[in-house]
Amino acid sequence: MSRYSKKISHKIEKKKQKEQPIPKKPGRDLFLLALIGINFVLLVAGWQQLPAMDKGTYVLMEIALCAIYTQRHREMSSKANDIVKYIGIFSMVAAVVLFLINCYFKYVA
């Protein structure tokens, strides 16, 4: 009987070890880095030609992308992580609102 209980407990221990997920190393997020780089290049290259609303949209988008990258790759406390998350969300929403206002003024009004 003790032999069967040892086998059962051994199987349970193996299942527990298999259930624990292997901690994933954060990837490089090459697509996100490419978006940050392209956005920065467009912002710098077109700074003289862009109107103020477009500059604001690009700056807010750059802040949002950098906040997303920071949130994924930095070890932070939960409070700091929440702050970075809300900064990213707020700047993304503000960029979309500026874009929609800009489109309204260019094409409708």
Protein backbone atom coordinates (compact mmCIF):
# COMPACT_ATOMS: atom_id res chain seq x y z
CA MET A 1 0.00 0.00 0.00
CA SER A 2 2.80 2.40 0.84
CA ARG A 3 4.33 1.71 -2.54
CA TYR A 4 1.17 2.91 -4.31
CA SER A 5 0.94 6.03 -2.17
CA LYS A 6 4.56 6.85 -3.02
CA LYS A 7 3.80 6.45 -6.73
CA ILE A 8 0.74 8.66 -6.45
CA SER A 9 2.58 11.35 -4.49
CA HIS A 10 5.45 11.19 -7.00
CA LYS A 11 3.00 11.71 -9.89
CA ILE A 12 1.38 14.64 -8.09
CA GLU A 13 4.78 16.27 -7.55
CA LYS A 14 5.61 15.87 -11.25
CA LYS A 15 2.31 17.51 -12.21
CA LYS A 16 2.98 20.42 -9.87
CA GLN A 17 6.40 20.93 -11.41
CA LYS A 18 4.95 20.83 -14.92
CA GLU A 19 2.13 23.23 -14.02
CA GLN A 20 4.53 25.95 -12.90
CA PRO A 21 5.12 28.11 -15.96
CA ILE A 22 8.66 28.77 -17.01
CA PRO A 23 9.34 32.47 -16.55
CA LYS A 24 9.59 34.05 -19.96
CA LYS A 25 12.38 36.42 -20.71
CA PRO A 26 11.03 39.60 -22.20
CA GLY A 27 11.57 39.76 -25.92
CA ARG A 28 13.05 42.65 -27.73
CA ASP A 29 9.74 43.81 -29.18
CA LEU A 30 11.37 44.72 -32.47
CA PHE A 31 8.08 45.89 -33.95
CA LEU A 32 7.52 48.28 -31.04
CA LEU A 33 11.09 49.56 -31.28
CA ALA A 34 10.62 50.07 -35.03
CA LEU A 35 7.44 52.07 -34.40
CA ILE A 36 9.23 54.22 -31.81
CA GLY A 37 12.10 54.83 -34.22
CA ILE A 38 9.89 55.62 -37.22
CA ASN A 39 7.74 57.95 -35.14
CA PHE A 40 10.81 59.76 -33.83
CA VAL A 41 12.33 60.12 -37.30
CA LEU A 42 9.07 61.48 -38.72
CA LEU A 43 8.76 63.90 -35.83
CA VAL A 44 12.31 65.21 -36.17
CA ALA A 45 12.27 65.33 -39.99
CA GLY A 46 8.94 67.11 -40.25
CA TRP A 47 9.20 69.43 -37.25
CA GLN A 48 9.43 72.57 -39.41
CA GLN A 49 6.62 71.56 -41.75
CA LEU A 50 4.11 70.07 -39.31
CA PRO A 51 1.35 72.18 -37.81
CA ALA A 52 1.00 72.30 -34.04
CA MET A 53 -1.82 69.71 -33.88
CA ASP A 54 0.24 67.18 -35.82
CA LYS A 55 3.26 67.80 -33.62
CA GLY A 56 1.10 67.20 -30.57
CA THR A 57 -0.24 63.98 -32.04
CA TYR A 58 3.25 62.67 -32.81
CA VAL A 59 4.61 63.66 -29.38
CA LEU A 60 1.69 62.00 -27.58
CA MET A 61 2.09 58.87 -29.71
CA GLU A 62 5.82 58.77 -28.90
CA ILE A 63 5.03 59.06 -25.19
CA ALA A 64 2.48 56.24 -25.44
CA LEU A 65 4.87 53.93 -27.30
CA CYS A 66 7.71 54.61 -24.86
CA ALA A 67 5.37 53.99 -21.92
CA ILE A 68 4.31 50.64 -23.39
CA TYR A 69 7.93 49.64 -23.93
CA THR A 70 8.87 50.74 -20.42
CA GLN A 71 5.98 48.82 -18.91
CA ARG A 72 7.01 45.63 -20.68
CA HIS A 73 10.74 45.74 -20.02
CA ARG A 74 11.32 47.46 -16.68
CA GLU A 75 11.09 45.87 -13.26
CA MET A 76 8.91 48.31 -11.34
CA SER A 77 6.73 48.29 -8.28
CA SER A 78 3.03 47.79 -8.86
CA LYS A 79 2.31 51.45 -8.15
CA ALA A 80 4.90 52.65 -10.66
CA ASN A 81 3.66 50.09 -13.17
CA ASP A 82 0.12 51.43 -12.80
CA ILE A 83 1.32 55.00 -13.26
CA VAL A 84 3.21 54.11 -16.45
CA LYS A 85 0.20 52.16 -17.73
CA TYR A 86 -2.14 55.11 -17.15
CA ILE A 87 0.31 57.53 -18.77
CA GLY A 88 0.40 55.28 -21.84
CA ILE A 89 -3.38 54.95 -22.01
CA PHE A 90 -3.96 58.68 -21.48
CA SER A 91 -1.43 59.73 -24.10
CA MET A 92 -2.79 57.19 -26.62
CA VAL A 93 -6.36 58.42 -26.14
CA ALA A 94 -5.23 62.05 -26.34
CA ALA A 95 -3.32 61.31 -29.57
CA VAL A 96 -6.40 59.70 -31.12
CA VAL A 97 -8.58 62.64 -30.06
CA LEU A 98 -6.10 65.14 -31.53
CA PHE A 99 -5.97 63.10 -34.73
CA LEU A 100 -9.76 63.09 -35.03
CA ILE A 101 -9.97 66.83 -34.34
CA ASN A 102 -7.25 67.43 -36.92
CA CYS A 103 -9.13 65.34 -39.50
CA TYR A 104 -12.34 67.26 -38.75
CA PHE A 105 -10.67 70.63 -39.28
CA LYS A 106 -8.88 69.52 -42.46
CA TYR A 107 -11.68 67.67 -44.25
CA VAL A 108 -15.04 68.69 -42.78
CA ALA A 109 -14.85 72.26 -41.57
